[in-house]
C-alpha cells in the first residue's frame, strides 16, 4: 500500500485539525485510504502525517495538486512540508 509521510509546522493545531476534517471528502475522492497525524511532545504544532493511498499515481497527483496547496495554506501550515514517499507499508503488530 503506497504511503506518504509529511512533516510540517502549523500555527494553530485546532484550526489545522478542523481544516483537515473539512477536506476529508476531497482526500477520499482522490484515493486516500487513511490519515494519521502525530504531534511532537515538545512542540505540539510540529506535526507528522502519514497517509495511505489506493495507488501511487493517485497519491502523487494529490500531493502535487493546487487544491492541497490551497488547503494547507488555509489550514495555517507555516513551514515548507517535507515529504517522503513509500511504496509499501506492512503492519507487523499482528501475526
Protein backbone atom coordinates (compact mmCIF):
# COMPACT_ATOMS: atom_id res chain seq x y z
CA UNK A 1 0.00 0.00 0.00
CA UNK A 2 1.60 3.31 -1.03
CA UNK A 3 2.05 5.94 1.67
CA UNK A 4 3.37 9.45 2.14
CA UNK A 5 4.92 10.85 5.32
CA UNK A 6 4.63 14.63 5.67
CA UNK A 7 6.32 16.80 8.30
CA UNK A 8 5.34 20.41 8.79
CA UNK A 9 4.57 23.04 11.40
CA UNK A 10 1.21 24.72 11.83
CA UNK A 11 0.28 27.98 13.51
CA UNK A 12 -2.65 26.52 15.45
CA UNK A 13 -3.31 22.78 15.75
CA UNK A 14 -7.05 23.15 16.43
CA UNK A 15 -7.53 25.27 13.28
CA UNK A 16 -5.43 22.80 11.25
CA UNK A 17 -7.44 19.82 12.54
CA UNK A 18 -10.75 21.46 11.58
CA UNK A 19 -9.38 22.19 8.10
CA UNK A 20 -8.16 18.60 7.68
CA UNK A 21 -11.57 17.28 8.68
CA UNK A 22 -13.38 19.60 6.27
CA UNK A 23 -11.05 18.46 3.43
CA UNK A 24 -11.83 14.77 4.09
CA UNK A 25 -14.23 14.28 1.16
CA UNK A 26 -11.72 15.59 -1.39
CA UNK A 27 -8.96 13.42 0.09
CA UNK A 28 -11.15 10.31 -0.08
CA UNK A 29 -12.27 11.09 -3.66
CA UNK A 30 -8.57 11.41 -4.54
CA UNK A 31 -7.83 7.88 -3.32
CA UNK A 32 -6.71 8.40 0.26
CA UNK A 33 -7.39 5.36 2.44
CA UNK A 34 -6.22 6.54 5.86
CA UNK A 35 -4.82 9.67 7.52
CA UNK A 36 -2.86 9.62 10.78
CA UNK A 37 -1.41 12.69 12.47
CA UNK A 38 1.24 12.76 15.20
CA UNK A 39 2.08 15.78 17.36
CA UNK A 40 5.53 16.38 18.79
CA UNK A 41 5.57 16.06 22.58
CA UNK A 42 7.88 19.07 22.87
CA UNK A 43 6.22 21.27 20.23
CA UNK A 44 2.53 20.41 19.68
CA UNK A 45 2.29 22.40 16.44
CA UNK A 46 5.11 20.30 14.89
CA UNK A 47 3.25 17.55 13.03
CA UNK A 48 3.98 14.33 11.22
CA UNK A 49 1.24 12.98 8.98
CA UNK A 50 1.12 9.53 7.39
CA UNK A 51 -1.45 8.83 4.68
CA UNK A 52 -2.01 5.68 2.68
CA UNK A 53 -3.41 5.65 -0.83
CA UNK A 54 -5.14 3.30 -3.24
CA UNK A 55 -2.41 3.75 -5.89
CA UNK A 56 0.97 5.51 -6.13
CA UNK A 57 -0.28 7.55 -9.10
CA UNK A 58 -3.27 8.92 -7.16
CA UNK A 59 -1.02 9.71 -4.18
CA UNK A 60 1.46 11.70 -6.29
CA UNK A 61 -1.33 13.51 -8.18
CA UNK A 62 -2.93 14.58 -4.89
CA UNK A 63 0.35 15.71 -3.34
CA UNK A 64 1.10 17.88 -6.40
CA UNK A 65 -2.43 19.35 -6.58
CA UNK A 66 -3.26 23.02 -6.32
CA UNK A 67 -6.17 22.05 -4.07
CA UNK A 68 -3.78 20.61 -1.48
CA UNK A 69 -1.52 23.68 -1.55
CA UNK A 70 -4.54 25.95 -1.06
CA UNK A 71 -5.94 23.79 1.76
CA UNK A 72 -2.58 23.71 3.57
CA UNK A 73 -2.28 27.49 3.37
CA UNK A 74 -5.82 27.97 4.67
CA UNK A 75 -5.17 25.44 7.47
CA UNK A 76 -2.25 27.51 8.74
CA UNK A 77 0.74 25.41 7.66
CA UNK A 78 3.69 27.74 8.30
CA UNK A 79 6.66 25.63 7.22
CA UNK A 80 7.57 24.03 3.94
CA UNK A 81 6.28 20.45 4.11
CA UNK A 82 8.92 17.72 3.95
CA UNK A 83 7.52 14.69 2.15
CA UNK A 84 8.77 11.15 1.88
CA UNK A 85 7.08 8.52 -0.30
CA UNK A 86 6.86 4.80 0.42
CA UNK A 87 5.85 2.00 -1.91
CA UNK A 88 4.61 -0.45 0.68
CA UNK A 89 3.59 -0.45 4.33
CA UNK A 90 3.23 -3.56 6.46
CA UNK A 91 1.51 -3.93 9.81
CA UNK A 92 3.88 -6.16 11.80
CA UNK A 93 1.94 -5.81 15.06
CA UNK A 94 -0.19 -8.83 14.20
CA UNK A 95 0.79 -12.45 13.44
